[in-house]
Amino acid sequence: MIVEERMYVLHTEVNIADYMAIYTSEGLPVQREILGGFLGYFTTEIGTQNQLIHFWAYADLEERRKRREKLAAQPAWQGCLMKIRPMIRTMENRILLPTAFSPWPGVPLSGQ
């Protein structure tokens, strides 16, 4: 299993509630259906402000590639992107490999 961590920082003039209203009604439903493996979506309270961090689990990089390709071809997702992308100042993503003792779904805990 791999975990994708995606981090977005919104422009300072963007109200995070406006972004979230669009994303939760238009983007998240499409992503959950196509990407699967939704682990969580977070905002920062201390540290980088106007930052959003979300996590997605995949069996491997090939599954991620196929699902993200399918998402990119989805008109509803493209419509959402047209609204939210101008709100985003920076984007970063990382692929994380859980350790054997990480309590993520699908990852056995040490000793089990």
N, C-alpha and C. Protein backbone atom coordinates (compact mmCIF):
# COMPACT_ATOMS: atom_id res chain seq x y z
N MET A 1 0.84 -1.18 0.00
CA MET A 1 0.00 0.00 0.00
C MET A 1 0.88 1.25 0.00
N ILE A 2 0.42 2.28 -0.69
CA ILE A 2 1.07 3.58 -0.64
C ILE A 2 0.04 4.61 -0.19
N VAL A 3 0.52 5.70 0.36
CA VAL A 3 -0.34 6.81 0.77
C VAL A 3 0.16 8.05 0.05
N GLU A 4 -0.76 8.74 -0.60
CA GLU A 4 -0.43 10.00 -1.24
C GLU A 4 -0.85 11.14 -0.32
N GLU A 5 0.10 12.01 -0.02
CA GLU A 5 -0.16 13.20 0.78
C GLU A 5 -0.16 14.37 -0.19
N ARG A 6 -1.25 15.12 -0.23
CA ARG A 6 -1.36 16.29 -1.10
C ARG A 6 -1.53 17.52 -0.21
N MET A 7 -0.72 18.54 -0.46
CA MET A 7 -0.75 19.77 0.34
C MET A 7 -0.98 20.96 -0.57
N TYR A 8 -1.99 21.74 -0.25
CA TYR A 8 -2.29 22.95 -1.01
C TYR A 8 -2.25 24.13 -0.06
N VAL A 9 -1.71 25.24 -0.53
CA VAL A 9 -1.77 26.49 0.21
C VAL A 9 -2.59 27.45 -0.66
N LEU A 10 -3.66 27.97 -0.07
CA LEU A 10 -4.52 28.89 -0.80
C LEU A 10 -3.95 30.31 -0.75
N HIS A 11 -4.31 31.11 -1.73
CA HIS A 11 -3.93 32.52 -1.72
C HIS A 11 -4.48 33.17 -0.44
N THR A 12 -3.79 34.16 0.09
CA THR A 12 -4.20 34.76 1.35
C THR A 12 -5.57 35.44 1.27
N GLU A 13 -5.95 35.90 0.10
CA GLU A 13 -7.25 36.55 -0.01
C GLU A 13 -8.42 35.56 -0.15
N VAL A 14 -8.11 34.28 -0.28
CA VAL A 14 -9.15 33.26 -0.42
C VAL A 14 -9.64 32.84 0.96
N ASN A 15 -10.94 32.82 1.11
CA ASN A 15 -11.56 32.32 2.34
C ASN A 15 -11.61 30.80 2.23
N ILE A 16 -10.99 30.12 3.17
CA ILE A 16 -10.93 28.66 3.11
C ILE A 16 -12.33 28.03 3.09
N ALA A 17 -13.30 28.70 3.72
CA ALA A 17 -14.67 28.19 3.72
C ALA A 17 -15.27 28.20 2.30
N ASP A 18 -14.90 29.18 1.48
CA ASP A 18 -15.39 29.23 0.10
C ASP A 18 -14.83 28.07 -0.71
N TYR A 19 -13.53 27.81 -0.53
CA TYR A 19 -12.90 26.67 -1.21
C TYR A 19 -13.59 25.37 -0.78
N MET A 20 -13.74 25.20 0.53
CA MET A 20 -14.31 23.95 1.05
C MET A 20 -15.75 23.75 0.59
N ALA A 21 -16.52 24.82 0.46
CA ALA A 21 -17.91 24.69 0.00
C ALA A 21 -17.96 24.12 -1.42
N ILE A 22 -17.09 24.61 -2.29
CA ILE A 22 -17.04 24.09 -3.66
C ILE A 22 -16.52 22.66 -3.66
N TYR A 23 -15.40 22.45 -2.97
CA TYR A 23 -14.77 21.15 -2.99
C TYR A 23 -15.67 20.05 -2.41
N THR A 24 -16.30 20.31 -1.27
CA THR A 24 -17.11 19.26 -0.63
C THR A 24 -18.37 18.94 -1.42
N SER A 25 -18.91 19.91 -2.15
CA SER A 25 -20.13 19.64 -2.91
C SER A 25 -19.85 19.11 -4.32
N GLU A 26 -18.73 19.51 -4.93
CA GLU A 26 -18.47 19.14 -6.31
C GLU A 26 -17.27 18.21 -6.52
N GLY A 27 -16.21 18.43 -5.76
CA GLY A 27 -14.98 17.68 -5.98
C GLY A 27 -14.88 16.38 -5.21
N LEU A 28 -15.10 16.45 -3.91
CA LEU A 28 -14.93 15.26 -3.07
C LEU A 28 -15.80 14.09 -3.49
N PRO A 29 -17.08 14.28 -3.82
CA PRO A 29 -17.87 13.12 -4.23
C PRO A 29 -17.29 12.40 -5.45
N VAL A 30 -16.80 13.16 -6.41
CA VAL A 30 -16.21 12.55 -7.62
C VAL A 30 -14.91 11.85 -7.26
N GLN A 31 -14.08 12.50 -6.47
CA GLN A 31 -12.81 11.88 -6.08
C GLN A 31 -13.02 10.60 -5.28
N ARG A 32 -13.95 10.63 -4.33
CA ARG A 32 -14.18 9.43 -3.52
C ARG A 32 -14.65 8.26 -4.39
N GLU A 33 -15.50 8.56 -5.35
CA GLU A 33 -16.01 7.50 -6.24
C GLU A 33 -14.90 6.92 -7.11
N ILE A 34 -14.06 7.77 -7.66
CA ILE A 34 -13.05 7.30 -8.62
C ILE A 34 -11.75 6.88 -7.94
N LEU A 35 -11.27 7.68 -7.00
CA LEU A 35 -9.99 7.37 -6.38
C LEU A 35 -10.09 6.30 -5.31
N GLY A 36 -11.22 6.27 -4.58
CA GLY A 36 -11.31 5.35 -3.44
C GLY A 36 -10.21 5.70 -2.44
N GLY A 37 -10.05 4.95 -1.42
CA GLY A 37 -8.94 5.10 -0.50
C GLY A 37 -8.82 6.44 0.20
N PHE A 38 -9.93 7.13 0.40
CA PHE A 38 -9.88 8.43 1.06
C PHE A 38 -9.57 8.23 2.54
N LEU A 39 -8.48 8.86 3.01
CA LEU A 39 -8.08 8.71 4.41
C LEU A 39 -8.38 9.94 5.26
N GLY A 40 -8.47 11.11 4.65
CA GLY A 40 -8.79 12.28 5.44
C GLY A 40 -8.37 13.58 4.76
N TYR A 41 -8.99 14.67 5.21
CA TYR A 41 -8.74 16.02 4.68
C TYR A 41 -8.59 16.93 5.89
N PHE A 42 -7.53 17.72 5.94
CA PHE A 42 -7.20 18.49 7.13
C PHE A 42 -6.85 19.93 6.78
N THR A 43 -7.05 20.82 7.74
CA THR A 43 -6.56 22.19 7.65
C THR A 43 -5.55 22.38 8.77
N THR A 44 -4.66 23.35 8.59
CA THR A 44 -3.66 23.60 9.63
C THR A 44 -4.14 24.69 10.58
N GLU A 45 -3.92 24.49 11.84
CA GLU A 45 -4.26 25.47 12.87
C GLU A 45 -2.99 26.23 13.29
N ILE A 46 -1.89 25.51 13.36
CA ILE A 46 -0.60 26.10 13.72
C ILE A 46 0.37 25.72 12.61
N GLY A 47 1.15 26.67 12.17
CA GLY A 47 2.08 26.44 11.07
C GLY A 47 1.62 27.21 9.85
N THR A 48 1.82 26.64 8.68
CA THR A 48 1.43 27.30 7.43
C THR A 48 -0.07 27.55 7.43
N GLN A 49 -0.46 28.79 7.25
CA GLN A 49 -1.88 29.14 7.24
C GLN A 49 -2.47 28.98 5.85
N ASN A 50 -3.79 28.82 5.82
CA ASN A 50 -4.53 28.61 4.56
C ASN A 50 -4.04 27.35 3.85
N GLN A 51 -3.64 26.36 4.62
CA GLN A 51 -3.12 25.12 4.06
C GLN A 51 -4.13 23.99 4.22
N LEU A 52 -4.24 23.19 3.19
CA LEU A 52 -5.10 22.00 3.19
C LEU A 52 -4.21 20.80 2.93
N ILE A 53 -4.44 19.73 3.68
CA ILE A 53 -3.66 18.51 3.51
C ILE A 53 -4.63 17.35 3.44
N HIS A 54 -4.47 16.51 2.41
CA HIS A 54 -5.35 15.35 2.32
C HIS A 54 -4.55 14.12 1.95
N PHE A 55 -5.08 12.97 2.34
CA PHE A 55 -4.40 11.69 2.19
C PHE A 55 -5.30 10.70 1.44
N TRP A 56 -4.69 9.96 0.52
CA TRP A 56 -5.37 8.95 -0.29
C TRP A 56 -4.52 7.69 -0.30
N ALA A 57 -5.14 6.54 -0.13
CA ALA A 57 -4.42 5.26 -0.14
C ALA A 57 -4.66 4.53 -1.45
N TYR A 58 -3.61 3.89 -1.93
CA TYR A 58 -3.67 3.08 -3.15
C TYR A 58 -2.89 1.79 -2.92
N ALA A 59 -3.21 0.78 -3.69
CA ALA A 59 -2.48 -0.47 -3.58
C ALA A 59 -1.02 -0.28 -3.99
N ASP A 60 -0.81 0.51 -5.06
CA ASP A 60 0.54 0.75 -5.58
C ASP A 60 0.50 1.94 -6.54
N LEU A 61 1.64 2.29 -7.09
CA LEU A 61 1.72 3.45 -7.99
C LEU A 61 0.91 3.25 -9.27
N GLU A 62 0.83 2.03 -9.74
CA GLU A 62 0.06 1.78 -10.97
C GLU A 62 -1.43 2.00 -10.73
N GLU A 63 -1.94 1.54 -9.60
CA GLU A 63 -3.35 1.80 -9.29
C GLU A 63 -3.59 3.30 -9.18
N ARG A 64 -2.69 4.02 -8.53
CA ARG A 64 -2.81 5.47 -8.42
C ARG A 64 -2.85 6.11 -9.81
N ARG A 65 -1.93 5.71 -10.68
CA ARG A 65 -1.88 6.27 -12.02
C ARG A 65 -3.19 6.07 -12.76
N LYS A 66 -3.72 4.85 -12.72
CA LYS A 66 -4.97 4.55 -13.42
C LYS A 66 -6.14 5.35 -12.87
N ARG A 67 -6.25 5.42 -11.55
CA ARG A 67 -7.36 6.15 -10.94
C ARG A 67 -7.27 7.65 -11.19
N ARG A 68 -6.06 8.22 -11.11
CA ARG A 68 -5.90 9.65 -11.35
C ARG A 68 -6.15 9.97 -12.83
N GLU A 69 -5.78 9.07 -13.71
CA GLU A 69 -6.07 9.24 -15.14
C GLU A 69 -7.58 9.25 -15.38
N LYS A 70 -8.29 8.34 -14.74
CA LYS A 70 -9.75 8.29 -14.86
C LYS A 70 -10.38 9.56 -14.28
N LEU A 71 -9.85 10.04 -13.16
CA LEU A 71 -10.37 11.26 -12.55
C LEU A 71 -10.17 12.45 -13.49
N ALA A 72 -9.00 12.55 -14.10
CA ALA A 72 -8.70 13.66 -15.00
C ALA A 72 -9.65 13.69 -16.21
N ALA A 73 -10.18 12.55 -16.60
CA ALA A 73 -11.09 12.47 -17.74
C ALA A 73 -12.54 12.76 -17.36
N GLN A 74 -12.82 12.93 -16.09
CA GLN A 74 -14.18 13.13 -15.60
C GLN A 74 -14.59 14.61 -15.74
N PRO A 75 -15.61 14.92 -16.54
CA PRO A 75 -16.03 16.31 -16.73
C PRO A 75 -16.43 17.02 -15.42
N ALA A 76 -17.06 16.32 -14.50
CA ALA A 76 -17.45 16.95 -13.24
C ALA A 76 -16.22 17.39 -12.45
N TRP A 77 -15.16 16.59 -12.49
CA TRP A 77 -13.93 16.95 -11.80
C TRP A 77 -13.28 18.15 -12.48
N GLN A 78 -13.26 18.17 -13.79
CA GLN A 78 -12.68 19.30 -14.52
C GLN A 78 -13.44 20.59 -14.21
N GLY A 79 -14.76 20.50 -14.08
CA GLY A 79 -15.56 21.67 -13.72
C GLY A 79 -15.21 22.19 -12.34
N CYS A 80 -15.01 21.29 -11.40
CA CYS A 80 -14.61 21.68 -10.05
C CYS A 80 -13.23 22.33 -10.07
N LEU A 81 -12.30 21.74 -10.82
CA LEU A 81 -10.95 22.29 -10.90
C LEU A 81 -10.95 23.72 -11.43
N MET A 82 -11.81 24.01 -12.39
CA MET A 82 -11.87 25.36 -12.95
C MET A 82 -12.23 26.38 -11.87
N LYS A 83 -12.98 25.96 -10.88
CA LYS A 83 -13.39 26.86 -9.79
C LYS A 83 -12.34 26.95 -8.68
N ILE A 84 -11.75 25.81 -8.31
CA ILE A 84 -10.85 25.82 -7.15
C ILE A 84 -9.39 26.09 -7.49
N ARG A 85 -8.95 25.71 -8.68
CA ARG A 85 -7.53 25.87 -9.01
C ARG A 85 -7.05 27.32 -8.89
N PRO A 86 -7.84 28.33 -9.32
CA PRO A 86 -7.36 29.72 -9.15
C PRO A 86 -7.21 30.13 -7.68
N MET A 87 -7.82 29.40 -6.77
CA MET A 87 -7.71 29.71 -5.35
C MET A 87 -6.41 29.19 -4.74
N ILE A 88 -5.75 28.28 -5.43
CA ILE A 88 -4.57 27.59 -4.89
C ILE A 88 -3.30 28.32 -5.31
N ARG A 89 -2.49 28.66 -4.31
CA ARG A 89 -1.21 29.34 -4.55
C ARG A 89 -0.10 28.32 -4.83
N THR A 90 0.00 27.28 -3.98
CA THR A 90 1.02 26.25 -4.18
C THR A 90 0.40 24.87 -3.99
N MET A 91 1.00 23.90 -4.67
CA MET A 91 0.57 22.51 -4.56
C MET A 91 1.81 21.64 -4.40
N GLU A 92 1.70 20.63 -3.55
CA GLU A 92 2.80 19.69 -3.36
C GLU A 92 2.19 18.33 -3.06
N ASN A 93 2.81 17.29 -3.55
CA ASN A 93 2.35 15.96 -3.16
C ASN A 93 3.55 15.05 -2.94
N ARG A 94 3.32 14.07 -2.08
CA ARG A 94 4.34 13.08 -1.75
C ARG A 94 3.70 11.71 -1.73
N ILE A 95 4.50 10.72 -2.06
CA ILE A 95 4.07 9.33 -1.93
C ILE A 95 4.78 8.78 -0.70
N LEU A 96 3.98 8.28 0.23
CA LEU A 96 4.49 7.76 1.50
C LEU A 96 4.33 6.25 1.54
N LEU A 97 5.31 5.58 2.09
CA LEU A 97 5.27 4.13 2.28
C LEU A 97 5.12 3.85 3.76
N PRO A 98 3.97 3.35 4.20
CA PRO A 98 3.77 3.08 5.63
C PRO A 98 4.71 2.00 6.14
N THR A 99 5.13 2.16 7.37
CA THR A 99 5.94 1.12 8.01
C THR A 99 5.01 0.00 8.47
N ALA A 100 5.60 -1.12 8.81
CA ALA A 100 4.82 -2.28 9.25
C ALA A 100 4.01 -1.99 10.51
N PHE A 101 4.43 -1.03 11.33
CA PHE A 101 3.73 -0.75 12.58
C PHE A 101 2.79 0.46 12.49
N SER A 102 2.59 0.98 11.27
CA SER A 102 1.67 2.12 11.10
C SER A 102 0.22 1.66 11.16
N PRO A 103 -0.62 2.36 11.92
CA PRO A 103 -2.02 1.95 12.05
C PRO A 103 -2.92 2.46 10.94
N TRP A 104 -2.43 2.51 9.70
CA TRP A 104 -3.27 2.90 8.57
C TRP A 104 -4.10 1.71 8.12
N PRO A 105 -5.25 1.95 7.52
CA PRO A 105 -6.07 0.84 7.02
C PRO A 105 -5.28 -0.04 6.06
N GLY A 106 -5.41 -1.32 6.22
CA GLY A 106 -4.76 -2.26 5.33
C GLY A 106 -3.31 -2.56 5.69
N VAL A 107 -2.79 -1.89 6.68
CA VAL A 107 -1.42 -2.12 7.11
C VAL A 107 -1.46 -2.84 8.44
N PRO A 108 -0.98 -4.07 8.50
CA PRO A 108 -1.03 -4.81 9.78
C PRO A 108 -0.12 -4.15 10.81
N LEU A 109 -0.62 -4.12 12.05
CA LEU A 109 0.20 -3.61 13.15
C LEU A 109 1.28 -4.62 13.50
N SER A 110 2.37 -4.15 14.01
CA SER A 110 3.48 -5.03 14.40
C SER A 110 2.98 -6.10 15.37
N GLY A 111 3.36 -7.33 15.11
CA GLY A 111 2.99 -8.43 16.00
C GLY A 111 1.64 -9.05 15.65
N GLN A 112 0.96 -8.55 14.62
CA GLN A 112 -0.33 -9.14 14.25
C GLN A 112 -0.19 -10.01 13.04
